[in-house]
Protein backbone atom coordinates (compact mmCIF):
# COMPACT_ATOMS: atom_id res chain seq x y z
CA MET A 1 -17.92 -22.02 9.55
CA ASP A 2 -20.16 -19.97 11.87
CA LEU A 3 -20.96 -16.27 11.70
CA ILE A 4 -18.47 -15.36 14.43
CA SER A 5 -15.67 -16.83 12.30
CA ILE A 6 -16.87 -15.23 9.07
CA LEU A 7 -17.28 -11.65 10.33
CA PRO A 8 -13.55 -10.99 10.98
CA ILE A 9 -12.68 -12.38 7.53
CA VAL A 10 -15.22 -10.09 5.87
CA ALA A 11 -13.87 -7.16 7.90
CA MET A 12 -10.32 -8.04 6.88
CA VAL A 13 -11.14 -8.26 3.16
CA LEU A 14 -13.04 -4.95 3.30
CA ALA A 15 -10.12 -3.27 5.07
CA LEU A 16 -7.68 -4.66 2.49
CA ILE A 17 -9.76 -3.34 -0.42
CA ILE A 18 -10.04 0.13 1.13
CA ALA A 19 -6.30 0.19 1.83
CA ILE A 20 -4.99 -0.96 -1.55
CA VAL A 21 -7.58 0.73 -3.78
CA GLY A 22 -7.19 4.05 -1.96
CA HIS A 23 -3.41 3.68 -2.17
CA GLU A 24 -3.53 3.47 -5.96
CA ILE A 25 -6.13 6.20 -6.40
CA MET A 26 -3.93 8.61 -4.42
CA HIS A 27 -1.09 8.11 -6.91
CA GLY A 28 -3.46 9.10 -9.71
CA LEU A 29 -4.94 12.05 -7.83
CA MET A 30 -1.51 13.47 -7.03
CA ALA A 31 -0.43 13.06 -10.64
CA TYR A 32 -3.64 14.78 -11.76
CA ARG A 33 -2.76 17.68 -9.48
CA TYR A 34 0.35 18.17 -11.60
CA GLY A 35 -1.44 18.00 -14.93
CA ASP A 36 -1.31 14.28 -15.70
CA ASP A 37 -4.82 13.12 -16.56
CA THR A 38 -3.79 9.60 -17.63
CA ALA A 39 -5.48 7.90 -14.67
CA LYS A 40 -8.57 10.12 -14.95
CA ASN A 41 -9.00 9.38 -18.66
CA ALA A 42 -8.63 5.66 -17.95
CA GLY A 43 -11.39 5.86 -15.34
CA ARG A 44 -8.98 4.76 -12.62
CA LEU A 45 -9.76 7.53 -10.14
CA SER A 46 -13.05 5.81 -9.37
CA PRO A 47 -13.49 4.18 -5.92
CA ASN A 48 -15.14 1.18 -7.65
CA PRO A 49 -12.89 -1.69 -6.46
CA LEU A 50 -13.67 -3.79 -9.55
CA LEU A 51 -11.71 -1.30 -11.67
CA HIS A 52 -8.61 -1.83 -9.54
CA VAL A 53 -8.60 -5.59 -9.04
CA ASP A 54 -5.37 -7.34 -9.97
CA PRO A 55 -6.02 -11.10 -10.27
CA VAL A 56 -2.70 -11.95 -8.66
CA GLY A 57 -2.15 -9.12 -6.16
CA THR A 58 -5.74 -8.59 -5.05
CA LEU A 59 -7.06 -12.16 -5.12
CA LEU A 60 -4.45 -14.92 -5.42
CA VAL A 61 -1.62 -13.64 -3.22
CA PRO A 62 -3.80 -12.49 -0.28
CA ALA A 63 -5.73 -15.79 -0.33
CA VAL A 64 -2.60 -17.96 -0.43
CA LEU A 65 -0.87 -15.92 2.26
CA TYR A 66 -3.88 -15.87 4.56
CA PHE A 67 -4.69 -19.58 4.39
CA SER A 68 -1.04 -20.66 4.58
CA THR A 69 0.37 -18.21 7.13
CA GLY A 70 -2.53 -16.14 8.48
CA PHE A 71 -0.73 -13.06 7.11
CA LEU A 72 -2.59 -10.79 4.69
CA PHE A 73 -0.88 -8.70 2.05
CA GLY A 74 -1.73 -7.66 -1.48
CA TRP A 75 -1.86 -4.92 -4.06
CA ALA A 76 -4.23 -3.43 -6.60
CA LYS A 77 -3.70 -2.87 -10.30
CA PRO A 78 -1.27 0.07 -10.60
CA VAL A 79 -2.90 3.34 -11.62
CA PRO A 80 -1.36 4.60 -14.88
CA VAL A 81 0.78 7.71 -14.46
CA TYR A 82 2.76 9.54 -17.13
CA ILE A 83 5.51 10.79 -14.87
CA ARG A 84 7.13 12.98 -17.53
CA THR A 85 4.10 15.27 -17.44
CA VAL A 86 4.36 15.45 -13.65
CA ILE A 87 8.08 16.28 -13.80
CA ARG A 88 7.53 18.88 -16.53
CA ASN A 89 4.89 20.68 -14.45
CA GLY A 90 6.23 20.21 -10.93
CA GLY A 91 9.79 18.96 -11.16
CA TYR A 92 11.25 15.93 -9.41
CA LEU A 93 9.73 16.97 -6.08
CA ALA A 94 6.29 16.52 -7.65
CA ALA A 95 7.34 13.07 -8.87
CA ILE A 96 8.40 12.20 -5.31
CA GLN A 97 5.00 13.33 -4.05
CA VAL A 98 3.27 11.11 -6.60
CA SER A 99 5.43 8.16 -5.53
CA LEU A 100 4.69 8.65 -1.83
CA ALA A 101 1.01 9.65 -2.10
CA GLY A 102 -0.25 6.11 -1.55
CA ILE A 103 1.98 5.65 1.48
CA ALA A 104 0.76 8.94 2.97
CA TYR A 105 -2.83 7.73 2.48
CA ASN A 106 -2.11 4.44 4.27
CA ILE A 107 -0.41 6.20 7.19
CA ALA A 108 -3.30 8.67 7.57
CA LEU A 109 -5.86 5.85 7.42
CA ALA A 110 -3.96 3.80 10.01
CA LEU A 111 -3.83 6.76 12.40
CA CYS A 112 -7.53 7.53 11.95
CA ALA A 113 -8.48 3.88 12.47
CA SER A 114 -6.32 3.76 15.59
CA ALA A 115 -8.04 6.86 16.98
CA VAL A 116 -11.45 5.27 16.41
CA LEU A 117 -10.34 1.97 17.98
CA HIS A 118 -9.32 3.72 21.19
CA THR A 119 -12.90 4.98 21.57
CA LEU A 120 -14.52 1.56 21.13
CA ALA A 121 -15.52 -0.76 23.93
CA ILE A 122 -14.72 -4.48 23.97
CA PRO A 123 -17.04 -6.19 21.44
CA SER A 124 -20.21 -7.55 23.00
CA SER A 125 -22.32 -8.25 19.91
CA MET A 126 -21.95 -9.36 16.29
CA VAL A 127 -22.12 -5.76 15.07
CA SER A 128 -19.55 -4.48 17.55
CA LEU A 129 -17.29 -7.45 16.74
CA PHE A 130 -17.41 -6.57 13.04
CA ILE A 131 -16.71 -2.89 13.69
CA TYR A 132 -13.84 -3.62 16.07
CA SER A 133 -12.32 -6.17 13.67
CA PHE A 134 -12.68 -3.79 10.73
CA PHE A 135 -10.83 -0.91 12.37
CA SER A 136 -8.20 -3.27 13.79
CA TYR A 137 -7.48 -4.62 10.32
CA LEU A 138 -7.42 -1.09 8.92
CA VAL A 139 -4.57 -0.34 11.32
CA VAL A 140 -2.65 -3.55 10.62
CA ILE A 141 -3.01 -3.62 6.83
CA ASN A 142 -2.33 0.09 6.31
CA VAL A 143 0.78 0.04 8.51
CA ILE A 144 2.11 -2.96 6.58
CA LEU A 145 1.36 -1.36 3.19
CA ALA A 146 2.87 1.98 4.17
CA LEU A 147 6.10 0.75 5.72
CA PHE A 148 6.66 -2.13 3.31
CA ASN A 149 6.27 0.21 0.34
CA LEU A 150 8.87 2.55 1.83
CA TYR A 151 11.64 0.02 1.21
CA PRO A 152 13.74 1.22 -1.76
CA ILE A 153 13.38 -2.05 -3.64
CA PRO A 154 11.79 -2.05 -7.12
CA PRO A 155 8.91 -2.03 -7.83
CA LEU A 156 7.95 -0.57 -4.43
CA ASP A 157 7.08 3.12 -4.10
CA GLY A 158 10.20 3.77 -2.04
CA SER A 159 12.40 2.85 -5.00
CA HIS A 160 10.59 5.32 -7.28
CA ALA A 161 10.84 8.08 -4.68
CA LEU A 162 14.56 7.39 -4.23
CA SER A 163 15.11 7.46 -7.98
CA TYR A 164 13.43 10.87 -8.35
CA PHE A 165 15.23 12.16 -5.25
CA ALA A 166 18.55 11.13 -6.80
CA ALA A 167 17.63 12.91 -10.03
CA TRP A 168 16.61 16.01 -8.05
CA MET A 169 19.97 15.98 -6.25
CA GLY A 170 21.85 15.57 -9.51
CA TRP A 171 23.02 12.03 -8.75
CA GLY A 172 22.70 10.91 -12.34
CA LYS A 173 24.30 7.49 -11.98
CA VAL A 174 22.17 6.56 -8.97
CA ALA A 175 18.99 7.71 -10.71
CA TYR A 176 19.93 5.80 -13.86
CA TRP A 177 20.67 2.62 -11.90
CA MET A 178 17.42 2.87 -9.94
CA ASP A 179 15.45 3.45 -13.13
CA ARG A 180 16.99 0.39 -14.77
CA ALA A 181 16.38 -1.72 -11.70
CA GLY A 182 12.75 -0.62 -11.70
CA ARG A 183 12.32 -1.85 -15.27
CA SER A 184 13.61 -5.34 -14.48
CA ARG A 185 11.88 -8.17 -12.63
CA TYR A 186 14.76 -8.82 -10.27
CA GLY A 187 13.29 -6.52 -7.63
CA PHE A 188 10.17 -8.66 -7.38
CA VAL A 189 12.34 -11.77 -6.96
CA VAL A 190 14.28 -10.03 -4.18
CA LEU A 191 11.01 -9.12 -2.44
CA VAL A 192 9.74 -12.70 -2.55
CA LEU A 193 13.05 -14.01 -1.19
CA LEU A 194 12.98 -11.46 1.62
CA ILE A 195 9.43 -12.43 2.59
CA ILE A 196 10.04 -16.20 2.66
CA SER A 197 13.54 -16.08 4.15
CA PRO A 198 14.57 -15.68 7.82
CA LEU A 199 15.31 -12.05 6.95
CA SER A 200 11.56 -11.44 6.94
CA ALA A 201 11.72 -11.07 10.73
CA TYR A 202 13.89 -7.97 10.24
CA VAL A 203 11.85 -6.72 7.26
CA PHE A 204 8.59 -6.76 9.22
CA ALA A 205 10.01 -5.77 12.61
CA PRO A 206 9.24 -2.03 12.16
CA MET A 207 5.67 -2.91 11.16
CA HIS A 208 5.14 -5.06 14.24
CA TYR A 209 6.43 -2.21 16.38
CA PHE A 210 4.08 0.43 14.96
CA ILE A 211 1.09 -1.93 14.89
CA ALA A 212 1.60 -2.64 18.58
CA LEU A 213 1.89 1.09 19.17
CA LEU A 214 -1.37 1.93 17.39
CA LEU A 215 -3.59 -0.94 18.56
CA PRO A 216 -5.29 -0.60 21.95
């Protein structure tokens, strides 16, 4: 494998680490804003990627997906949050903010990367190829992480946000059902089935649309 082939892979892995590690740190930072220092005390607000590596989500799944489909997706080790402290200090709206903080980070990063990409010329050297690939992957990976996590399927962030929104609105039965679903493993099974089934075309359609919109 020559250098031209390796550079985009390195750029892609670097973009993935920045996207997923930052996503998790933002959950912890938002929780800390509302008095929950669980993540801080665990040392999980550090940008050191080694502290956030999940053997399955950060290494195994991205590698298998990339070499089998060319598609890259993964996740970091979840940052610990004691949501009861957040709710006590800021109510259910604060809990919603904690749930969506990682998604907001990914959206902001995708927009910033897109803005930079539109200022870059077509790559003409190894360095410019790496830079262009890096910002392109920042757009792609962050859009996928943001929009995929918005789906209200446990254990995705969208399901947590919906659960706290239901509690805030006084929809006790909905909040209770969402909380129970989040504690089971069925949500993960549903996600896997969605990804490998023909329905994946519909699941990823919004992501393809926004990626095409943001890339030059």
